[in-house]
N, C-alpha and C. Protein backbone atom coordinates (compact mmCIF):
# COMPACT_ATOMS: atom_id res chain seq x y z
N MET A 1 -172.77 140.93 -29.71
CA MET A 1 -174.03 141.46 -29.58
C MET A 1 -174.67 141.43 -31.05
N CYS A 2 -173.93 141.98 -31.97
CA CYS A 2 -174.35 142.03 -33.34
C CYS A 2 -174.48 140.67 -33.98
N ASP A 3 -173.65 139.68 -33.71
CA ASP A 3 -173.76 138.34 -34.28
C ASP A 3 -174.98 137.62 -33.83
N ARG A 4 -175.29 137.81 -32.49
CA ARG A 4 -176.40 137.33 -31.74
C ARG A 4 -177.72 137.84 -32.42
N ARG A 5 -177.75 139.06 -32.69
CA ARG A 5 -178.90 139.61 -33.37
C ARG A 5 -179.14 139.03 -34.76
N LEU A 6 -178.04 138.85 -35.59
CA LEU A 6 -178.10 138.17 -36.81
C LEU A 6 -178.62 136.85 -36.77
N GLU A 7 -178.29 136.14 -35.78
CA GLU A 7 -178.64 134.77 -35.57
C GLU A 7 -180.19 134.64 -35.39
N GLN A 8 -180.73 135.64 -34.54
CA GLN A 8 -182.08 135.70 -34.18
C GLN A 8 -182.90 136.01 -35.50
N ILE A 9 -182.39 136.97 -36.25
CA ILE A 9 -183.13 137.33 -37.44
C ILE A 9 -183.09 136.08 -38.53
N ALA A 10 -181.98 135.46 -38.58
CA ALA A 10 -181.86 134.22 -39.45
C ALA A 10 -182.95 133.14 -38.98
N ARG A 11 -182.92 132.96 -37.68
CA ARG A 11 -183.90 131.87 -37.12
C ARG A 11 -185.36 132.24 -37.42
N GLY A 12 -185.59 133.56 -37.19
CA GLY A 12 -186.99 134.17 -37.46
C GLY A 12 -187.31 134.10 -38.90
N ALA A 13 -186.38 134.18 -39.82
CA ALA A 13 -186.71 134.20 -41.22
C ALA A 13 -186.99 132.71 -41.67
N GLY A 14 -186.40 131.73 -40.99
CA GLY A 14 -186.69 130.40 -41.43
C GLY A 14 -188.07 129.84 -40.98
N LYS A 15 -188.80 130.51 -40.12
CA LYS A 15 -190.08 130.13 -39.66
C LYS A 15 -191.14 130.60 -40.66
N ARG A 16 -191.87 129.70 -41.17
CA ARG A 16 -193.00 130.02 -42.21
C ARG A 16 -194.32 130.21 -41.57
N GLU A 17 -194.47 129.67 -40.31
CA GLU A 17 -195.88 129.70 -39.62
C GLU A 17 -196.04 131.00 -39.04
N GLY A 18 -195.19 131.98 -39.08
CA GLY A 18 -195.39 133.22 -38.51
C GLY A 18 -194.75 133.46 -37.14
N PRO A 19 -194.56 134.72 -36.74
CA PRO A 19 -193.91 135.02 -35.47
C PRO A 19 -194.85 134.75 -34.34
N SER A 20 -194.20 134.34 -33.25
CA SER A 20 -195.06 134.33 -31.95
C SER A 20 -195.33 135.60 -31.43
N LYS A 21 -196.15 135.82 -30.40
CA LYS A 21 -196.33 137.11 -29.84
C LYS A 21 -195.15 137.71 -29.28
N GLY A 22 -194.35 137.02 -28.58
CA GLY A 22 -193.14 137.57 -27.97
C GLY A 22 -192.00 137.80 -29.02
N ASN A 23 -192.01 137.25 -30.20
CA ASN A 23 -191.12 137.38 -31.23
C ASN A 23 -191.41 138.46 -32.24
N ALA A 24 -192.58 139.03 -32.24
CA ALA A 24 -193.12 139.88 -33.31
C ALA A 24 -192.24 141.13 -33.39
N MET A 25 -191.86 141.67 -32.25
CA MET A 25 -191.12 142.93 -32.27
C MET A 25 -189.67 142.72 -32.70
N GLU A 26 -189.19 141.60 -32.70
CA GLU A 26 -187.77 141.35 -32.94
C GLU A 26 -187.48 141.06 -34.53
N LEU A 27 -188.67 140.88 -35.29
CA LEU A 27 -188.49 140.75 -36.74
C LEU A 27 -188.20 142.08 -37.41
N PRO A 28 -187.26 141.93 -38.43
CA PRO A 28 -186.89 143.21 -39.18
C PRO A 28 -188.10 143.71 -40.03
N TRP A 29 -188.13 144.96 -40.35
CA TRP A 29 -189.25 145.60 -40.99
C TRP A 29 -189.54 145.00 -42.38
N TRP A 30 -188.50 144.54 -43.11
CA TRP A 30 -188.88 143.96 -44.34
C TRP A 30 -189.46 142.60 -44.32
N GLN A 31 -189.25 141.88 -43.28
CA GLN A 31 -189.97 140.57 -43.09
C GLN A 31 -191.45 140.85 -42.78
N LEU A 32 -191.68 141.91 -41.90
CA LEU A 32 -193.02 142.22 -41.60
C LEU A 32 -193.82 142.65 -42.84
N GLU A 33 -193.11 143.48 -43.76
CA GLU A 33 -193.89 143.88 -44.96
C GLU A 33 -194.11 142.73 -45.90
N GLU A 34 -193.09 141.78 -45.97
CA GLU A 34 -193.25 140.61 -46.79
C GLU A 34 -194.58 139.78 -46.29
N GLU A 35 -194.70 139.61 -45.03
CA GLU A 35 -195.76 138.82 -44.47
C GLU A 35 -197.07 139.57 -44.60
N ALA A 36 -197.13 140.91 -44.47
CA ALA A 36 -198.33 141.63 -44.74
C ALA A 36 -198.74 141.53 -46.13
N GLU A 37 -197.81 141.71 -47.08
CA GLU A 37 -198.08 141.63 -48.43
C GLU A 37 -198.55 140.19 -48.88
N ARG A 38 -197.94 139.15 -48.18
CA ARG A 38 -198.34 137.84 -48.54
C ARG A 38 -199.85 137.61 -48.00
N LEU A 39 -200.24 138.23 -46.86
CA LEU A 39 -201.64 138.13 -46.42
C LEU A 39 -202.58 138.88 -47.19
N MET A 40 -202.14 140.09 -47.64
CA MET A 40 -203.11 140.99 -48.21
C MET A 40 -203.23 140.90 -49.73
N ALA A 41 -202.31 140.18 -50.34
CA ALA A 41 -202.33 140.02 -51.76
C ALA A 41 -202.42 138.57 -52.09
N PRO A 42 -203.55 137.87 -51.99
CA PRO A 42 -203.57 136.43 -52.28
C PRO A 42 -203.54 136.32 -53.86
N ARG A 43 -203.15 135.08 -54.20
CA ARG A 43 -203.06 134.71 -55.71
C ARG A 43 -204.53 134.23 -56.07
N MET A 44 -205.00 134.58 -57.22
CA MET A 44 -206.22 134.33 -57.80
C MET A 44 -206.14 133.73 -59.12
N PRO A 45 -207.23 132.94 -59.50
CA PRO A 45 -207.21 132.39 -60.83
C PRO A 45 -207.82 133.51 -61.87
N PHE A 46 -207.10 133.72 -62.91
CA PHE A 46 -207.56 134.46 -63.97
C PHE A 46 -207.60 133.64 -65.34
N ARG A 47 -208.58 133.92 -66.16
CA ARG A 47 -208.70 133.36 -67.42
C ARG A 47 -207.88 134.39 -68.33
N VAL A 48 -206.96 133.70 -69.07
CA VAL A 48 -206.03 134.47 -69.87
C VAL A 48 -206.39 134.30 -71.39
N GLU A 49 -206.58 135.42 -72.03
CA GLU A 49 -206.94 135.45 -73.44
C GLU A 49 -206.01 136.35 -74.25
N GLN A 50 -205.44 135.90 -75.39
CA GLN A 50 -204.64 136.71 -76.22
C GLN A 50 -205.50 137.37 -77.18
N VAL A 51 -205.62 138.79 -77.20
CA VAL A 51 -206.59 139.46 -77.93
C VAL A 51 -206.06 140.14 -79.21
N SER A 52 -204.72 140.28 -79.24
CA SER A 52 -204.19 140.97 -80.44
C SER A 52 -203.00 140.11 -80.98
N PRO A 53 -202.90 139.74 -82.17
CA PRO A 53 -203.73 140.01 -83.25
C PRO A 53 -204.96 139.10 -83.20
N PRO A 54 -206.08 139.58 -83.94
CA PRO A 54 -207.35 138.76 -83.90
C PRO A 54 -207.11 137.41 -84.67
N PRO A 55 -207.77 136.38 -84.37
CA PRO A 55 -208.90 136.27 -83.51
C PRO A 55 -208.41 136.10 -82.00
N VAL A 56 -209.28 136.16 -81.13
CA VAL A 56 -209.02 135.91 -79.70
C VAL A 56 -208.55 134.46 -79.53
N LYS A 57 -207.47 134.30 -78.88
CA LYS A 57 -206.95 132.97 -78.55
C LYS A 57 -206.99 132.68 -76.99
N LYS A 58 -207.77 131.69 -76.61
CA LYS A 58 -207.78 131.41 -75.10
C LYS A 58 -206.61 130.58 -74.78
N LEU A 59 -205.86 131.20 -73.82
CA LEU A 59 -204.64 130.49 -73.29
C LEU A 59 -204.77 129.72 -72.04
N GLY A 60 -205.98 129.70 -71.52
CA GLY A 60 -206.27 128.78 -70.32
C GLY A 60 -206.35 129.72 -69.11
N TYR A 61 -206.25 129.07 -67.89
CA TYR A 61 -206.24 129.73 -66.60
C TYR A 61 -204.81 129.87 -66.00
N ALA A 62 -204.59 130.89 -65.29
CA ALA A 62 -203.33 131.12 -64.56
C ALA A 62 -203.65 131.71 -63.19
N LEU A 63 -202.84 131.14 -62.26
CA LEU A 63 -202.91 131.54 -60.77
C LEU A 63 -201.94 132.69 -60.56
N LEU A 64 -202.43 133.94 -60.50
CA LEU A 64 -201.59 135.10 -60.41
C LEU A 64 -201.89 136.04 -59.29
N ASP A 65 -201.00 136.94 -58.97
CA ASP A 65 -201.27 137.88 -57.87
C ASP A 65 -202.50 138.67 -58.13
N ALA A 66 -203.30 138.93 -57.09
CA ALA A 66 -204.53 139.54 -57.17
C ALA A 66 -204.45 140.95 -57.71
N ARG A 67 -203.28 141.62 -57.53
CA ARG A 67 -203.03 142.99 -57.87
C ARG A 67 -202.38 143.11 -59.39
N THR A 68 -202.58 141.95 -60.19
CA THR A 68 -202.10 142.04 -61.60
C THR A 68 -202.86 142.96 -62.37
N SER A 69 -202.27 143.94 -63.09
CA SER A 69 -202.85 145.10 -63.79
C SER A 69 -202.14 145.30 -65.13
N ARG A 70 -202.77 146.38 -65.78
CA ARG A 70 -202.24 146.72 -67.16
C ARG A 70 -200.79 146.98 -67.05
N GLY A 71 -200.09 146.46 -68.06
CA GLY A 71 -198.67 146.64 -68.25
C GLY A 71 -197.73 145.53 -67.47
N ASP A 72 -198.34 144.72 -66.68
CA ASP A 72 -197.57 143.74 -66.05
C ASP A 72 -197.19 142.61 -67.03
N VAL A 73 -196.05 142.01 -66.86
CA VAL A 73 -195.56 140.90 -67.73
C VAL A 73 -195.80 139.60 -67.00
N ILE A 74 -196.49 138.63 -67.70
CA ILE A 74 -196.70 137.39 -66.97
C ILE A 74 -196.21 136.26 -67.83
N ASN A 75 -195.90 135.15 -67.27
CA ASN A 75 -195.44 133.88 -67.92
C ASN A 75 -196.79 132.98 -68.06
N VAL A 76 -197.01 132.58 -69.34
CA VAL A 76 -198.13 131.70 -69.53
C VAL A 76 -197.63 130.50 -70.33
N LYS A 77 -197.96 129.30 -70.04
CA LYS A 77 -197.50 128.05 -70.66
C LYS A 77 -195.91 127.97 -70.87
N GLY A 78 -195.29 128.01 -69.57
CA GLY A 78 -193.79 127.83 -69.56
C GLY A 78 -193.07 129.10 -69.84
N ASN A 79 -192.43 129.25 -70.91
CA ASN A 79 -191.63 130.46 -71.08
C ASN A 79 -192.24 131.58 -71.90
N ASP A 80 -193.58 131.38 -72.41
CA ASP A 80 -194.02 132.40 -73.23
C ASP A 80 -194.42 133.57 -72.30
N LYS A 81 -193.91 134.82 -72.66
CA LYS A 81 -194.25 135.99 -71.87
C LYS A 81 -195.22 136.81 -72.67
N TYR A 82 -196.15 137.48 -71.85
CA TYR A 82 -197.28 138.17 -72.33
C TYR A 82 -197.38 139.60 -71.45
N VAL A 83 -197.92 140.54 -72.19
CA VAL A 83 -198.03 141.81 -71.41
C VAL A 83 -199.58 141.99 -71.22
N VAL A 84 -200.07 142.27 -70.04
CA VAL A 84 -201.42 142.48 -69.83
C VAL A 84 -201.83 143.84 -70.34
N SER A 85 -202.89 143.80 -71.25
CA SER A 85 -203.40 144.97 -71.94
C SER A 85 -204.74 145.46 -71.22
N LYS A 86 -205.39 144.54 -70.71
CA LYS A 86 -206.63 144.88 -69.94
C LYS A 86 -207.08 143.78 -69.00
N VAL A 87 -207.62 144.22 -67.77
CA VAL A 87 -208.23 143.33 -66.80
C VAL A 87 -209.71 143.47 -66.76
N ARG A 88 -210.43 142.49 -66.90
CA ARG A 88 -211.95 142.55 -66.84
C ARG A 88 -212.42 141.69 -65.80
N PHE A 89 -213.45 142.18 -65.07
CA PHE A 89 -214.24 141.37 -64.08
C PHE A 89 -215.63 141.16 -64.55
N LEU A 90 -216.00 139.91 -64.64
CA LEU A 90 -217.40 139.51 -65.11
C LEU A 90 -218.26 139.27 -63.83
N TYR A 91 -219.46 139.88 -63.83
CA TYR A 91 -220.32 139.70 -62.71
C TYR A 91 -221.64 139.14 -63.09
N ASP A 92 -222.28 138.37 -62.27
CA ASP A 92 -223.70 137.86 -62.46
C ASP A 92 -224.52 138.52 -61.37
N LEU A 93 -225.81 138.70 -61.71
CA LEU A 93 -226.77 139.20 -60.66
C LEU A 93 -227.46 137.87 -60.11
N VAL A 94 -227.23 137.68 -58.85
CA VAL A 94 -227.70 136.48 -58.20
C VAL A 94 -228.38 136.86 -56.86
N GLY A 95 -229.58 136.60 -56.76
CA GLY A 95 -230.31 136.83 -55.57
C GLY A 95 -230.34 138.35 -55.14
N GLY A 96 -230.34 139.27 -56.13
CA GLY A 96 -230.39 140.69 -55.86
C GLY A 96 -228.99 141.27 -55.53
N ARG A 97 -227.87 140.48 -55.74
CA ARG A 97 -226.62 140.98 -55.54
C ARG A 97 -225.59 140.54 -56.64
N TYR A 98 -224.73 141.33 -56.96
CA TYR A 98 -223.80 141.11 -57.96
C TYR A 98 -222.63 140.22 -57.34
N ARG A 99 -222.45 139.08 -58.04
CA ARG A 99 -221.39 138.13 -57.60
C ARG A 99 -220.38 138.01 -58.76
N LEU A 100 -219.08 138.03 -58.32
CA LEU A 100 -218.08 137.88 -59.25
C LEU A 100 -218.03 136.57 -59.99
N ARG A 101 -218.18 136.44 -61.20
CA ARG A 101 -218.20 135.17 -61.96
C ARG A 101 -216.86 134.79 -62.35
N SER A 102 -216.04 135.71 -63.02
CA SER A 102 -214.70 135.32 -63.41
C SER A 102 -213.85 136.64 -63.62
N LYS A 103 -212.53 136.44 -63.68
CA LYS A 103 -211.67 137.46 -64.00
C LYS A 103 -210.92 137.10 -65.28
N VAL A 104 -210.77 138.05 -66.16
CA VAL A 104 -210.18 137.78 -67.48
C VAL A 104 -209.05 138.82 -67.64
N LEU A 105 -207.83 138.18 -68.02
CA LEU A 105 -206.77 139.07 -68.45
C LEU A 105 -206.67 139.07 -69.96
N GLU A 106 -206.73 140.20 -70.55
CA GLU A 106 -206.44 140.27 -72.04
C GLU A 106 -204.99 140.60 -72.24
N VAL A 107 -204.28 139.66 -72.95
CA VAL A 107 -202.89 139.88 -72.99
C VAL A 107 -202.45 139.98 -74.52
N GLN A 108 -201.16 140.50 -74.67
CA GLN A 108 -200.52 140.53 -75.99
C GLN A 108 -199.13 140.25 -75.82
N THR A 109 -198.48 139.88 -76.97
CA THR A 109 -197.08 139.57 -76.87
C THR A 109 -196.36 140.97 -76.66
N PRO A 110 -195.29 141.03 -76.02
CA PRO A 110 -194.56 142.23 -75.70
C PRO A 110 -194.34 143.13 -76.95
N ARG A 111 -193.86 142.51 -77.95
CA ARG A 111 -193.87 143.32 -79.32
C ARG A 111 -195.16 143.93 -79.78
N ARG A 112 -196.19 143.12 -79.79
CA ARG A 112 -197.33 143.66 -80.24
C ARG A 112 -197.94 144.71 -79.31
N TYR A 113 -197.68 144.60 -78.02
CA TYR A 113 -198.17 145.65 -77.05
C TYR A 113 -197.51 146.92 -77.38
N LYS A 114 -196.17 146.88 -77.64
CA LYS A 114 -195.43 148.18 -77.91
C LYS A 114 -195.97 148.78 -79.12
N ILE A 115 -196.22 148.04 -80.15
CA ILE A 115 -196.75 148.56 -81.39
C ILE A 115 -198.18 149.16 -81.24
N ASN A 116 -198.99 148.56 -80.43
CA ASN A 116 -200.34 149.05 -80.27
C ASN A 116 -200.24 150.44 -79.38
N GLU A 117 -199.27 150.42 -78.45
CA GLU A 117 -199.06 151.61 -77.65
C GLU A 117 -198.68 152.80 -78.44
N GLN A 118 -197.71 152.52 -79.44
CA GLN A 118 -197.25 153.56 -80.39
C GLN A 118 -198.34 154.09 -81.29
N LEU A 119 -199.23 153.03 -81.68
CA LEU A 119 -200.37 153.45 -82.62
C LEU A 119 -201.44 154.31 -81.77
N ALA A 120 -201.55 154.01 -80.54
CA ALA A 120 -202.49 154.68 -79.74
C ALA A 120 -201.99 156.14 -79.55
N ASP A 121 -200.74 156.38 -79.39
CA ASP A 121 -200.12 157.65 -79.19
C ASP A 121 -200.30 158.51 -80.39
N LEU A 122 -200.46 157.86 -81.68
CA LEU A 122 -200.60 158.64 -82.95
C LEU A 122 -202.00 159.24 -83.04
N VAL A 123 -202.96 158.61 -82.48
CA VAL A 123 -204.44 159.06 -82.51
C VAL A 123 -204.64 160.16 -81.51
N PRO A 124 -205.14 161.36 -81.94
CA PRO A 124 -205.37 162.33 -81.04
C PRO A 124 -206.52 162.01 -80.14
N HIS A 125 -206.46 162.36 -78.84
CA HIS A 125 -207.51 162.10 -77.81
C HIS A 125 -208.53 163.14 -77.92
N GLU A 126 -209.82 162.84 -77.76
CA GLU A 126 -210.94 163.91 -77.83
C GLU A 126 -210.97 164.47 -76.47
N ARG A 127 -211.15 165.85 -76.45
CA ARG A 127 -211.40 166.54 -75.13
C ARG A 127 -212.88 166.69 -74.86
N GLN A 128 -213.29 166.50 -73.65
CA GLN A 128 -214.76 166.70 -73.39
C GLN A 128 -214.91 167.96 -72.66
């Protein structure tokens, strides 16, 4: 009985087109989470700019997860790793509505990111 269940799971994992209606309840929970994550978090194009040290250096475009945020480590141009320091969304007013024009990731090398974080901790924050 256990071997039979494992075979069903393995066959279900091999299908990329998704489960059929009758097979949906037989999938393990981790495959359902992976499928939901794949559907809910599409990959989006981001313009990548290295902002520190100045001047700003444009690294081009990268297709990344839509949930990419500050502190994430990304690979750009092969093996070069960068840490995201800021995510910006640029909008245009078109026909009375704001439309997303582009998404920009401001990145730094991991070493520079760590130095900037340590320097930011040295500066006292103003209380409002």
